[in-house]
N, C-alpha and C. Protein backbone atom coordinates (compact mmCIF):
# COMPACT_ATOMS: atom_id res chain seq x y z
N VAL A 1 1.06 -0.72 -0.18
CA VAL A 1 0.44 0.14 0.09
C VAL A 1 0.90 1.20 0.34
N VAL A 2 0.58 1.92 -1.28
CA VAL A 2 1.37 3.54 -0.82
C VAL A 2 0.64 4.49 -0.29
N ILE A 3 1.24 5.70 0.25
CA ILE A 3 0.28 6.54 1.27
C ILE A 3 1.02 7.72 0.80
N SER A 4 0.06 8.64 -0.11
CA SER A 4 0.52 9.94 -0.14
C SER A 4 0.79 11.39 0.62
N THR A 5 2.12 12.13 0.56
CA THR A 5 2.47 13.05 1.58
C THR A 5 1.12 13.66 1.02
N ALA A 6 0.04 14.00 0.46
CA ALA A 6 -0.98 14.68 1.02
C ALA A 6 -1.91 14.08 1.69
N THR A 7 -1.99 13.01 1.47
CA THR A 7 -2.84 11.76 2.68
C THR A 7 -2.31 12.38 4.11
N LEU A 8 -0.45 11.76 4.30
CA LEU A 8 -0.25 11.37 5.70
C LEU A 8 0.07 13.40 6.39
N ILE A 9 0.17 14.28 5.12
CA ILE A 9 -0.01 15.85 5.81
C ILE A 9 -1.56 16.32 6.53
N CYS A 10 -2.36 15.60 5.84
CA CYS A 10 -4.01 16.13 6.12
C CYS A 10 -4.62 14.89 7.07
N THR A 11 -4.17 13.99 7.69
CA THR A 11 -4.61 13.54 9.06
C THR A 11 -3.39 13.42 9.45
N VAL A 12 -3.78 13.79 11.11
CA VAL A 12 -3.16 13.67 11.99
C VAL A 12 -2.21 12.69 12.72
N PRO A 13 -1.17 12.56 12.05
CA PRO A 13 -0.11 11.40 12.35
C PRO A 13 -0.17 10.77 14.26
N SER A 14 -0.04 9.48 14.46
CA SER A 14 0.30 8.65 15.63
C SER A 14 1.20 9.43 15.72
N GLY A 15 1.12 9.72 17.08
CA GLY A 15 2.22 10.18 17.61
C GLY A 15 1.85 12.07 17.62
N ALA A 16 1.30 12.58 17.05
CA ALA A 16 1.24 13.95 16.77
C ALA A 16 0.88 14.74 17.84
N THR A 17 1.32 16.25 18.12
CA THR A 17 0.88 16.58 18.54
C THR A 17 -0.58 17.46 18.08
N PRO A 18 -2.24 17.35 18.64
CA PRO A 18 -2.97 18.11 17.71
C PRO A 18 -3.15 19.04 18.71
N GLY A 19 -4.72 19.93 17.97
CA GLY A 19 -4.68 21.20 18.67
C GLY A 19 -3.87 22.48 18.88
N LEU A 20 -2.51 22.09 17.91
CA LEU A 20 -1.87 23.03 18.20
C LEU A 20 -2.55 24.56 17.02
N GLU A 21 -2.18 25.94 18.20
CA GLU A 21 -2.83 27.19 16.72
C GLU A 21 -1.21 27.97 17.40
N GLY A 22 -1.23 28.91 16.55
CA GLY A 22 -0.27 30.39 16.44
C GLY A 22 -0.95 31.91 15.75
N LYS A 23 -0.65 32.73 15.67
CA LYS A 23 -0.55 33.77 15.01
C LYS A 23 0.23 34.79 15.11
N GLY A 24 0.37 35.40 13.97
CA GLY A 24 1.75 36.63 13.92
C GLY A 24 1.67 37.14 12.70
N LYS A 25 2.36 37.98 12.06
CA LYS A 25 2.78 38.32 10.70
C LYS A 25 3.44 37.69 9.93
N ILE A 26 3.13 37.47 8.22
CA ILE A 26 4.33 36.29 7.81
C ILE A 26 5.75 37.35 7.50
N SER A 27 6.78 36.47 7.72
CA SER A 27 7.98 37.08 7.36
C SER A 27 8.85 36.80 6.35
N GLU A 28 8.27 35.07 5.97
CA GLU A 28 9.08 34.71 4.95
C GLU A 28 7.79 33.39 4.02
N VAL A 29 7.82 33.03 2.39
CA VAL A 29 6.39 32.51 2.17
C VAL A 29 7.50 31.47 1.20
N SER A 30 7.50 30.31 1.45
CA SER A 30 8.11 29.72 0.15
C SER A 30 7.28 28.78 -0.09
N GLY A 31 6.35 28.64 -1.07
CA GLY A 31 5.39 27.72 -1.69
C GLY A 31 3.94 27.33 -0.55
N GLN A 32 4.09 26.81 0.50
CA GLN A 32 3.42 26.10 1.13
C GLN A 32 3.81 26.29 2.69
N ALA A 33 5.55 26.61 2.69
CA ALA A 33 5.93 26.65 4.34
C ALA A 33 6.02 28.30 4.37
N ILE A 34 5.20 28.44 5.76
CA ILE A 34 5.04 29.83 6.19
C ILE A 34 5.98 29.84 6.91
N THR A 35 6.70 31.21 7.42
CA THR A 35 7.31 31.53 8.95
C THR A 35 6.88 32.99 8.59
N TYR A 36 6.40 32.84 10.47
CA TYR A 36 5.46 34.08 10.66
C TYR A 36 6.30 34.60 12.18
N LYS A 37 6.08 35.83 12.75
CA LYS A 37 6.43 36.23 13.59
C LYS A 37 5.47 36.38 14.49
N THR A 38 5.71 35.67 15.79
CA THR A 38 4.65 36.11 17.14
C THR A 38 4.57 37.58 17.39
N SER A 39 4.09 38.04 18.33
CA SER A 39 3.86 39.24 19.14
C SER A 39 5.04 39.36 19.91
N LYS A 40 6.07 38.43 20.30
CA LYS A 40 7.00 38.13 21.31
C LYS A 40 7.91 38.20 20.18
N GLY A 41 7.78 38.63 18.79
CA GLY A 41 8.79 38.54 17.56
C GLY A 41 9.59 37.24 17.71
N VAL A 42 9.05 35.69 18.17
CA VAL A 42 9.37 34.93 18.06
C VAL A 42 8.89 34.16 17.07
N SER A 43 9.91 33.61 16.34
CA SER A 43 9.83 32.96 14.37
C SER A 43 9.18 31.78 14.50
N VAL A 44 8.46 30.91 14.02
CA VAL A 44 7.69 30.11 13.37
C VAL A 44 7.30 29.89 12.27
N ASN A 45 7.88 28.11 12.01
CA ASN A 45 7.69 27.77 10.79
C ASN A 45 6.57 26.64 10.62
N VAL A 46 5.49 26.62 10.17
CA VAL A 46 4.43 26.28 9.59
C VAL A 46 4.29 25.89 8.28
N THR A 47 4.72 24.30 7.64
CA THR A 47 3.47 23.94 6.27
C THR A 47 1.72 24.30 5.99
N VAL A 48 1.64 24.59 5.30
CA VAL A 48 0.17 24.55 5.50
C VAL A 48 -0.37 23.46 4.54
N SER A 49 -1.12 22.40 5.03
CA SER A 49 -1.62 21.21 4.66
C SER A 49 -2.21 21.57 3.29
N PRO A 50 -2.17 20.51 1.80
CA PRO A 50 -2.40 20.69 0.50
C PRO A 50 -4.24 20.84 1.09
N CYS A 51 -4.57 20.24 2.24
CA CYS A 51 -6.22 20.20 2.37
C CYS A 51 -6.40 21.08 3.61
N ALA A 52 -5.96 22.04 3.90
CA ALA A 52 -6.41 23.17 4.56
C ALA A 52 -7.51 23.39 4.07
N LYS A 53 -8.02 24.40 5.20
CA LYS A 53 -8.98 25.21 5.31
C LYS A 53 -8.80 26.46 5.55
N ILE A 54 -8.51 27.21 3.99
CA ILE A 54 -8.06 28.90 4.24
C ILE A 54 -9.34 29.81 3.91
N GLU A 55 -9.13 30.70 4.39
CA GLU A 55 -10.13 31.95 4.70
C GLU A 55 -9.48 33.02 4.65
N TRP A 56 -9.68 33.76 3.12
CA TRP A 56 -8.98 35.00 2.56
C TRP A 56 -9.60 35.87 3.14
N ASN A 57 -8.72 37.15 4.01
CA ASN A 57 -9.76 38.42 3.86
C ASN A 57 -9.42 39.13 3.66
N ASP A 58 -9.58 40.68 3.50
CA ASP A 58 -9.13 41.86 2.86
C ASP A 58 -8.28 41.67 1.54
N GLY A 59 -9.22 40.61 0.45
CA GLY A 59 -8.72 40.57 -0.85
C GLY A 59 -7.64 40.30 -1.10
N ALA A 60 -6.62 39.39 -0.08
CA ALA A 60 -6.18 38.59 -0.41
C ALA A 60 -6.09 36.87 -1.00
N LYS A 61 -4.78 36.68 -2.14
CA LYS A 61 -5.53 35.32 -2.88
C LYS A 61 -4.55 34.44 -2.61
N SER A 62 -3.28 34.62 -2.01
CA SER A 62 -2.28 33.60 -1.87
C SER A 62 -1.50 34.81 -0.74
N PHE A 63 -0.57 33.95 -0.15
CA PHE A 63 0.09 34.12 0.76
C PHE A 63 1.47 35.46 0.63
N SER A 64 1.59 36.54 1.61
CA SER A 64 2.48 37.18 1.41
C SER A 64 2.81 37.84 2.65
N LEU A 65 4.35 38.33 2.33
CA LEU A 65 4.31 39.46 3.68
C LEU A 65 4.00 40.39 4.23
N GLY A 66 3.68 40.53 5.38
CA GLY A 66 2.98 41.22 6.42
C GLY A 66 1.58 40.83 6.50
N GLN A 67 0.85 39.14 5.92
CA GLN A 67 -0.46 39.31 6.84
C GLN A 67 -0.26 38.97 7.72
N MET A 68 -1.42 39.08 8.40
CA MET A 68 -1.47 38.21 9.63
C MET A 68 -1.97 36.63 9.31
N PHE A 69 -1.53 35.67 10.02
CA PHE A 69 -1.87 34.85 9.94
C PHE A 69 -2.23 33.87 10.68
N GLU A 70 -3.25 33.10 10.94
CA GLU A 70 -3.71 32.75 11.74
C GLU A 70 -3.86 30.87 11.78
N TRP A 71 -3.67 30.09 12.52
CA TRP A 71 -3.24 28.41 12.31
C TRP A 71 -3.26 27.81 12.87
N HIS A 72 -4.58 26.37 13.14
CA HIS A 72 -4.43 25.87 13.78
C HIS A 72 -4.12 24.07 13.54
N GLY A 73 -3.70 23.84 13.49
CA GLY A 73 -3.15 22.44 13.16
C GLY A 73 -2.44 21.66 14.13
N TYR A 74 -1.39 20.68 13.83
CA TYR A 74 -0.96 20.08 14.54
C TYR A 74 0.82 20.34 14.60
N LYS A 75 1.60 19.36 15.17
CA LYS A 75 3.17 19.22 15.50
C LYS A 75 2.95 17.61 15.32
N SER A 76 4.28 17.07 14.52
CA SER A 76 5.09 15.74 14.71
C SER A 76 6.36 16.08 14.21
N THR A 77 7.11 15.06 14.99
CA THR A 77 8.30 15.09 14.80
C THR A 77 8.69 14.74 13.17
N ARG A 78 8.20 14.12 12.50
CA ARG A 78 8.08 14.27 11.41
C ARG A 78 8.15 15.26 10.11
N THR A 79 6.57 16.10 10.60
CA THR A 79 6.43 16.94 9.47
C THR A 79 6.43 18.72 10.17
N GLY A 80 7.05 18.55 11.50
CA GLY A 80 6.90 20.04 12.17
C GLY A 80 5.50 20.19 12.21
N ASN A 81 5.35 21.77 12.09
CA ASN A 81 3.72 22.06 12.32
C ASN A 81 3.06 22.20 10.79
N VAL A 82 2.17 21.72 11.26
CA VAL A 82 0.79 21.57 10.01
C VAL A 82 -0.07 22.18 10.37
N ALA A 83 -0.55 23.14 9.60
CA ALA A 83 -1.84 23.82 9.76
C ALA A 83 -3.15 23.05 8.76
N GLN A 84 -3.94 23.64 9.66
CA GLN A 84 -5.23 22.16 9.00
C GLN A 84 -6.58 22.96 8.45
N SER A 85 -6.08 24.52 9.23
CA SER A 85 -6.96 25.60 9.01
C SER A 85 -6.00 26.86 9.25
N VAL A 86 -6.43 27.54 8.13
CA VAL A 86 -5.91 29.61 8.66
C VAL A 86 -6.64 30.42 8.33
N VAL A 87 -6.67 31.47 8.55
CA VAL A 87 -7.05 32.80 8.30
C VAL A 87 -6.42 33.69 8.10
N ILE A 88 -6.40 34.16 6.95
CA ILE A 88 -5.51 35.47 6.52
C ILE A 88 -6.35 36.77 6.59
N ASN A 89 -5.29 37.86 7.34
CA ASN A 89 -6.32 38.77 7.59
C ASN A 89 -4.94 39.73 7.17
């Protein structure tokens, strides 16, 4: 049985920590990999899942520097932080 990367990142893997969330301004974008800075200046890396629910606000149609990025998802040792839902303001 072959499981695609999309399937692995769309479902919370065994041993992952679910229920994580964060918010901050986007400081770097590389495809679906986002780095944002929290209000305390801490940089956080998050991969946006290919099946994430994304709510685009203020006319946004893609991720860009300076946007407010709010995410909910999980973290695993294999994938790091993974957003399953995102709100962009």
